[in-house]
Amino acid sequence: MRVSVVIPVFNERETITRIVKAVDEADFLGLEHEIVLVDDGSTDGSREIVEGLTDRCTVHVQPENRGKGAALRAGFALATGDLVIVQDADLEYDPAEYPRLLRPIIDGHADVVYGSRFTGDGPHRVVYFWHFVGNKVLTTLSNAISNLNLTDMETCYKVFRREVLDRITLESDRFGFEPEFTVKVARLKVPVYEVGISYFGRSYADGKKITWRDGVDTVWCLVKYGLLRR
């Protein structure tokens, strides 16, 4: 089997080369891997760094900023692996967690694995209380709609078999990818697992981008894809 690590990039010039190095050095449990980098219309010099990594990665450059969901769709289209890992470029999530994420799939138990920031014994940076509350509300609403019992629907770390991706059609351009993917995967009735991961969260001063508006968009996407399009 082969693993594709898809990394959307938007204005992350300080971390791109570090995350690519961390992915290359990660333990894939003996599997081959590839890295797919998608620059989503960066304006801080990230695009030039991404374009300079074509010797190590498959690279795609979006002509303008369209959002995480659109960048991931472009990356998924280029991915050739049997398994896919979604990896953010900002170093909040550590590729050293890959063995933990991959194991349930490799052992034949899961088709999809979520990495939860709220379980496990790894280090978790303490950042924003209201982000925590918002995540819990959104995850609970997602669980009510999807009938899953996740603890962290909004997590970046989602790992899945390619066949799962081939059975759903993704549409959301921004952070709505998370709820859309979740409700559509739930409808497939495939085995979904969750494992605890470490989390090195950033503050807004460090460059964190998600805002309350993205939370509102998540609610709309849960209603749209989970209720209106049953």
Protein backbone atom coordinates (compact mmCIF):
# COMPACT_ATOMS: atom_id res chain seq x y z
CA MET A 1 0.00 0.00 0.00
CA ARG A 2 0.96 3.61 -0.56
CA VAL A 3 0.05 6.65 1.54
CA SER A 4 -0.70 10.10 0.13
CA VAL A 5 -0.27 13.02 2.54
CA VAL A 6 -2.27 15.99 1.24
CA ILE A 7 -1.22 19.38 2.63
CA PRO A 8 -3.19 22.55 1.84
CA VAL A 9 -1.08 25.69 2.26
CA PHE A 10 -2.20 29.29 2.76
CA ASN A 11 0.32 31.88 3.96
CA GLU A 12 2.50 29.46 5.93
CA ARG A 13 5.98 30.39 4.67
CA GLU A 14 7.56 29.87 8.10
CA THR A 15 6.44 26.25 8.43
CA ILE A 16 6.20 24.71 4.95
CA THR A 17 9.70 23.28 4.68
CA ARG A 18 9.54 22.10 8.32
CA ILE A 19 6.26 20.23 7.84
CA VAL A 20 7.50 18.59 4.62
CA LYS A 21 10.64 17.45 6.44
CA ALA A 22 8.57 16.13 9.35
CA VAL A 23 6.32 14.18 6.99
CA ASP A 24 9.29 12.71 5.11
CA GLU A 25 10.81 11.59 8.41
CA ALA A 26 7.55 10.13 9.77
CA ASP A 27 6.98 6.42 10.36
CA PHE A 28 4.53 5.08 7.77
CA LEU A 29 4.71 1.53 9.19
CA GLY A 30 6.71 0.34 6.22
CA LEU A 31 4.43 1.82 3.56
CA GLU A 32 5.59 4.04 0.72
CA HIS A 33 4.41 7.63 0.83
CA GLU A 34 4.02 10.73 -1.30
CA ILE A 35 3.39 14.36 -0.38
CA VAL A 36 0.88 16.48 -2.28
CA LEU A 37 1.22 20.21 -1.61
CA VAL A 38 -1.54 22.60 -2.69
CA ASP A 39 -0.89 26.32 -2.37
CA ASP A 40 -4.25 28.06 -1.97
CA GLY A 41 -3.44 31.49 -3.39
CA SER A 42 -0.84 32.48 -0.77
CA THR A 43 0.38 36.08 -0.77
CA ASP A 44 3.25 35.87 1.74
CA GLY A 45 5.84 34.02 -0.36
CA SER A 46 4.51 30.53 0.46
CA ARG A 47 3.73 29.91 -3.20
CA GLU A 48 7.35 30.35 -4.23
CA ILE A 49 8.49 27.98 -1.49
CA VAL A 50 5.91 25.38 -2.53
CA GLU A 51 6.95 25.67 -6.19
CA GLY A 52 10.54 25.03 -5.11
CA LEU A 53 9.62 21.66 -3.58
CA THR A 54 8.68 19.85 -6.79
CA ASP A 55 11.66 17.51 -6.37
CA ARG A 56 10.15 16.16 -3.14
CA CYS A 57 6.42 16.69 -3.56
CA THR A 58 3.61 16.76 -6.08
CA VAL A 59 2.73 20.45 -6.29
CA HIS A 60 -0.42 22.28 -7.34
CA VAL A 61 -0.94 26.05 -7.17
CA GLN A 62 -4.44 27.51 -6.96
CA PRO A 63 -4.66 30.80 -8.92
CA GLU A 64 -6.55 32.43 -6.05
CA ASN A 65 -7.53 31.70 -2.45
CA ARG A 66 -10.60 29.46 -2.44
CA GLY A 67 -10.38 27.78 0.96
CA LYS A 68 -9.25 24.56 2.61
CA GLY A 69 -11.97 22.39 1.07
CA ALA A 70 -11.17 23.52 -2.47
CA ALA A 71 -7.44 22.99 -1.87
CA LEU A 72 -8.05 19.50 -0.52
CA ARG A 73 -10.19 18.55 -3.51
CA ALA A 74 -7.34 19.62 -5.81
CA GLY A 75 -4.91 17.59 -3.71
CA PHE A 76 -7.13 14.51 -3.62
CA ALA A 77 -7.36 14.59 -7.41
CA LEU A 78 -3.56 14.37 -7.61
CA ALA A 79 -3.10 11.78 -4.86
CA THR A 80 -2.17 8.27 -6.03
CA GLY A 81 -2.09 6.44 -2.69
CA ASP A 82 -4.32 3.69 -1.37
CA LEU A 83 -4.61 5.64 1.90
CA VAL A 84 -4.91 9.40 2.33
CA ILE A 85 -3.85 11.57 5.27
CA VAL A 86 -4.98 15.19 5.60
CA GLN A 87 -2.16 17.27 7.10
CA ASP A 88 -2.23 20.98 7.91
CA ALA A 89 0.89 23.01 7.13
CA ASP A 90 1.03 24.96 10.38
CA LEU A 91 2.71 22.40 12.71
CA GLU A 92 -0.29 22.21 15.08
CA TYR A 93 -0.46 18.50 14.21
CA ASP A 94 2.60 16.26 14.48
CA PRO A 95 3.34 13.67 11.74
CA ALA A 96 4.92 11.53 14.46
CA GLU A 97 1.30 10.49 15.14
CA TYR A 98 0.97 8.70 11.77
CA PRO A 99 1.56 5.16 13.12
CA ARG A 100 -1.27 5.62 15.61
CA LEU A 101 -3.56 6.94 12.87
CA LEU A 102 -2.67 4.33 10.28
CA ARG A 103 -2.71 1.23 12.49
CA PRO A 104 -6.52 0.70 12.70
CA ILE A 105 -6.74 0.78 8.89
CA ILE A 106 -3.69 -1.40 8.25
CA ASP A 107 -4.95 -3.94 10.79
CA GLY A 108 -8.25 -4.13 8.92
CA HIS A 109 -10.45 -2.59 11.58
CA ALA A 110 -11.22 0.82 10.08
CA ASP A 111 -11.82 2.52 6.76
CA VAL A 112 -11.64 6.01 8.29
CA VAL A 113 -9.69 7.26 11.33
CA TYR A 114 -10.06 10.60 13.12
CA GLY A 115 -7.30 11.95 15.35
CA SER A 116 -8.92 13.46 18.44
CA ARG A 117 -7.31 16.40 20.24
CA PHE A 118 -9.47 15.72 23.30
CA THR A 119 -8.52 12.13 24.13
CA GLY A 120 -5.24 10.34 24.73
CA ASP A 121 -2.25 11.14 26.92
CA GLY A 122 -0.20 13.25 24.49
CA PRO A 123 0.65 16.92 25.14
CA HIS A 124 -2.06 19.45 24.33
CA ARG A 125 -1.36 23.16 24.31
CA VAL A 126 -3.90 25.13 26.35
CA VAL A 127 -5.19 27.98 24.17
CA TYR A 128 -8.79 29.24 23.88
CA PHE A 129 -11.72 28.19 26.08
CA TRP A 130 -14.41 29.38 23.65
CA HIS A 131 -12.80 27.49 20.78
CA PHE A 132 -13.06 24.38 22.94
CA VAL A 133 -16.72 25.08 23.70
CA GLY A 134 -17.46 25.81 20.04
CA ASN A 135 -15.79 22.60 18.95
CA LYS A 136 -17.81 20.58 21.46
CA VAL A 137 -21.07 22.17 20.30
CA LEU A 138 -20.27 21.54 16.62
CA THR A 139 -19.12 17.97 17.29
CA THR A 140 -22.28 17.23 19.29
CA LEU A 141 -24.47 18.64 16.52
CA SER A 142 -22.53 16.61 13.97
CA ASN A 143 -22.95 13.46 16.05
CA ALA A 144 -26.68 14.05 16.37
CA ILE A 145 -27.00 14.35 12.60
CA SER A 146 -24.54 11.61 11.60
CA ASN A 147 -25.23 9.20 14.52
CA LEU A 148 -21.49 8.89 15.16
CA ASN A 149 -19.93 9.41 18.60
CA LEU A 150 -16.82 11.41 17.73
CA THR A 151 -15.12 13.65 20.27
CA ASP A 152 -13.46 15.92 17.66
CA MET A 153 -15.24 16.27 14.33
CA GLU A 154 -13.23 19.40 13.45
CA THR A 155 -9.82 17.74 13.73
CA CYS A 156 -7.42 18.13 10.82
CA TYR A 157 -6.25 14.53 11.11
CA LYS A 158 -8.54 12.43 8.99
CA VAL A 159 -7.10 9.27 7.44
CA PHE A 160 -9.07 7.11 5.05
CA ARG A 161 -8.96 4.51 2.33
CA ARG A 162 -9.04 5.87 -1.21
CA GLU A 163 -12.22 3.90 -1.90
CA VAL A 164 -14.04 5.99 0.71
CA LEU A 165 -13.07 9.18 -1.10
CA ASP A 166 -14.19 7.70 -4.41
CA ARG A 167 -17.67 7.02 -3.01
CA ILE A 168 -18.47 10.59 -1.95
CA THR A 169 -18.59 13.93 -3.77
CA LEU A 170 -17.13 16.84 -1.81
CA GLU A 171 -18.30 20.38 -2.50
CA SER A 172 -17.38 22.71 0.37
CA ASP A 173 -14.65 25.23 -0.40
CA ARG A 174 -13.71 26.36 3.10
CA PHE A 175 -13.67 24.71 6.53
CA GLY A 176 -17.04 23.18 5.72
CA PHE A 177 -14.98 20.25 4.45
CA GLU A 178 -14.90 18.84 8.00
CA PRO A 179 -18.67 18.50 8.60
CA GLU A 180 -19.41 17.63 4.97
CA PHE A 181 -16.86 14.81 4.95
CA THR A 182 -18.14 13.53 8.28
CA VAL A 183 -21.83 13.33 7.41
CA LYS A 184 -21.13 11.84 3.99
CA VAL A 185 -18.78 9.22 5.42
CA ALA A 186 -21.37 8.35 8.08
CA ARG A 187 -23.90 7.57 5.33
CA LEU A 188 -21.52 5.00 3.84
CA LYS A 189 -21.78 2.90 7.02
CA VAL A 190 -18.05 2.13 6.88
CA PRO A 191 -16.12 1.49 10.12
CA VAL A 192 -14.88 4.77 11.61
CA TYR A 193 -12.31 4.83 14.42
CA GLU A 194 -10.91 7.61 16.58
CA VAL A 195 -7.49 7.78 18.27
CA GLY A 196 -6.06 10.32 20.69
CA ILE A 197 -3.34 12.64 19.37
CA SER A 198 -1.13 15.42 20.67
CA TYR A 199 -1.94 18.99 19.68
CA PHE A 200 0.36 22.01 19.49
CA GLY A 201 -2.26 24.70 18.94
CA ARG A 202 -1.38 28.18 17.77
CA SER A 203 -2.64 31.51 19.00
CA TYR A 204 -3.85 34.23 16.63
CA ALA A 205 -0.53 35.97 17.22
CA ASP A 206 1.16 32.81 15.91
CA GLY A 207 -0.97 32.87 12.76
CA LYS A 208 -4.15 30.93 13.60
CA LYS A 209 -6.79 31.68 10.97
CA ILE A 210 -10.11 30.05 11.92
CA THR A 211 -12.77 32.46 13.27
CA TRP A 212 -16.34 32.40 14.58
CA ARG A 213 -17.55 32.90 11.00
CA ASP A 214 -16.13 29.49 10.15
CA GLY A 215 -18.17 28.07 13.04
CA VAL A 216 -21.34 29.56 11.55
CA ASP A 217 -20.41 28.08 8.16
CA THR A 218 -19.90 24.69 9.82
CA VAL A 219 -23.43 24.78 11.25
CA TRP A 220 -24.82 25.63 7.82
CA CYS A 221 -22.87 22.79 6.22
CA LEU A 222 -24.18 20.32 8.81
CA VAL A 223 -27.73 21.42 8.06
CA LYS A 224 -27.16 21.50 4.30
CA TYR A 225 -25.39 18.15 3.87
CA GLY A 226 -26.78 16.37 6.91
CA LEU A 227 -30.44 17.34 6.84
CA LEU A 228 -31.47 19.06 3.62
CA ARG A 229 -29.75 16.53 1.35
CA ARG A 230 -30.67 13.28 3.01
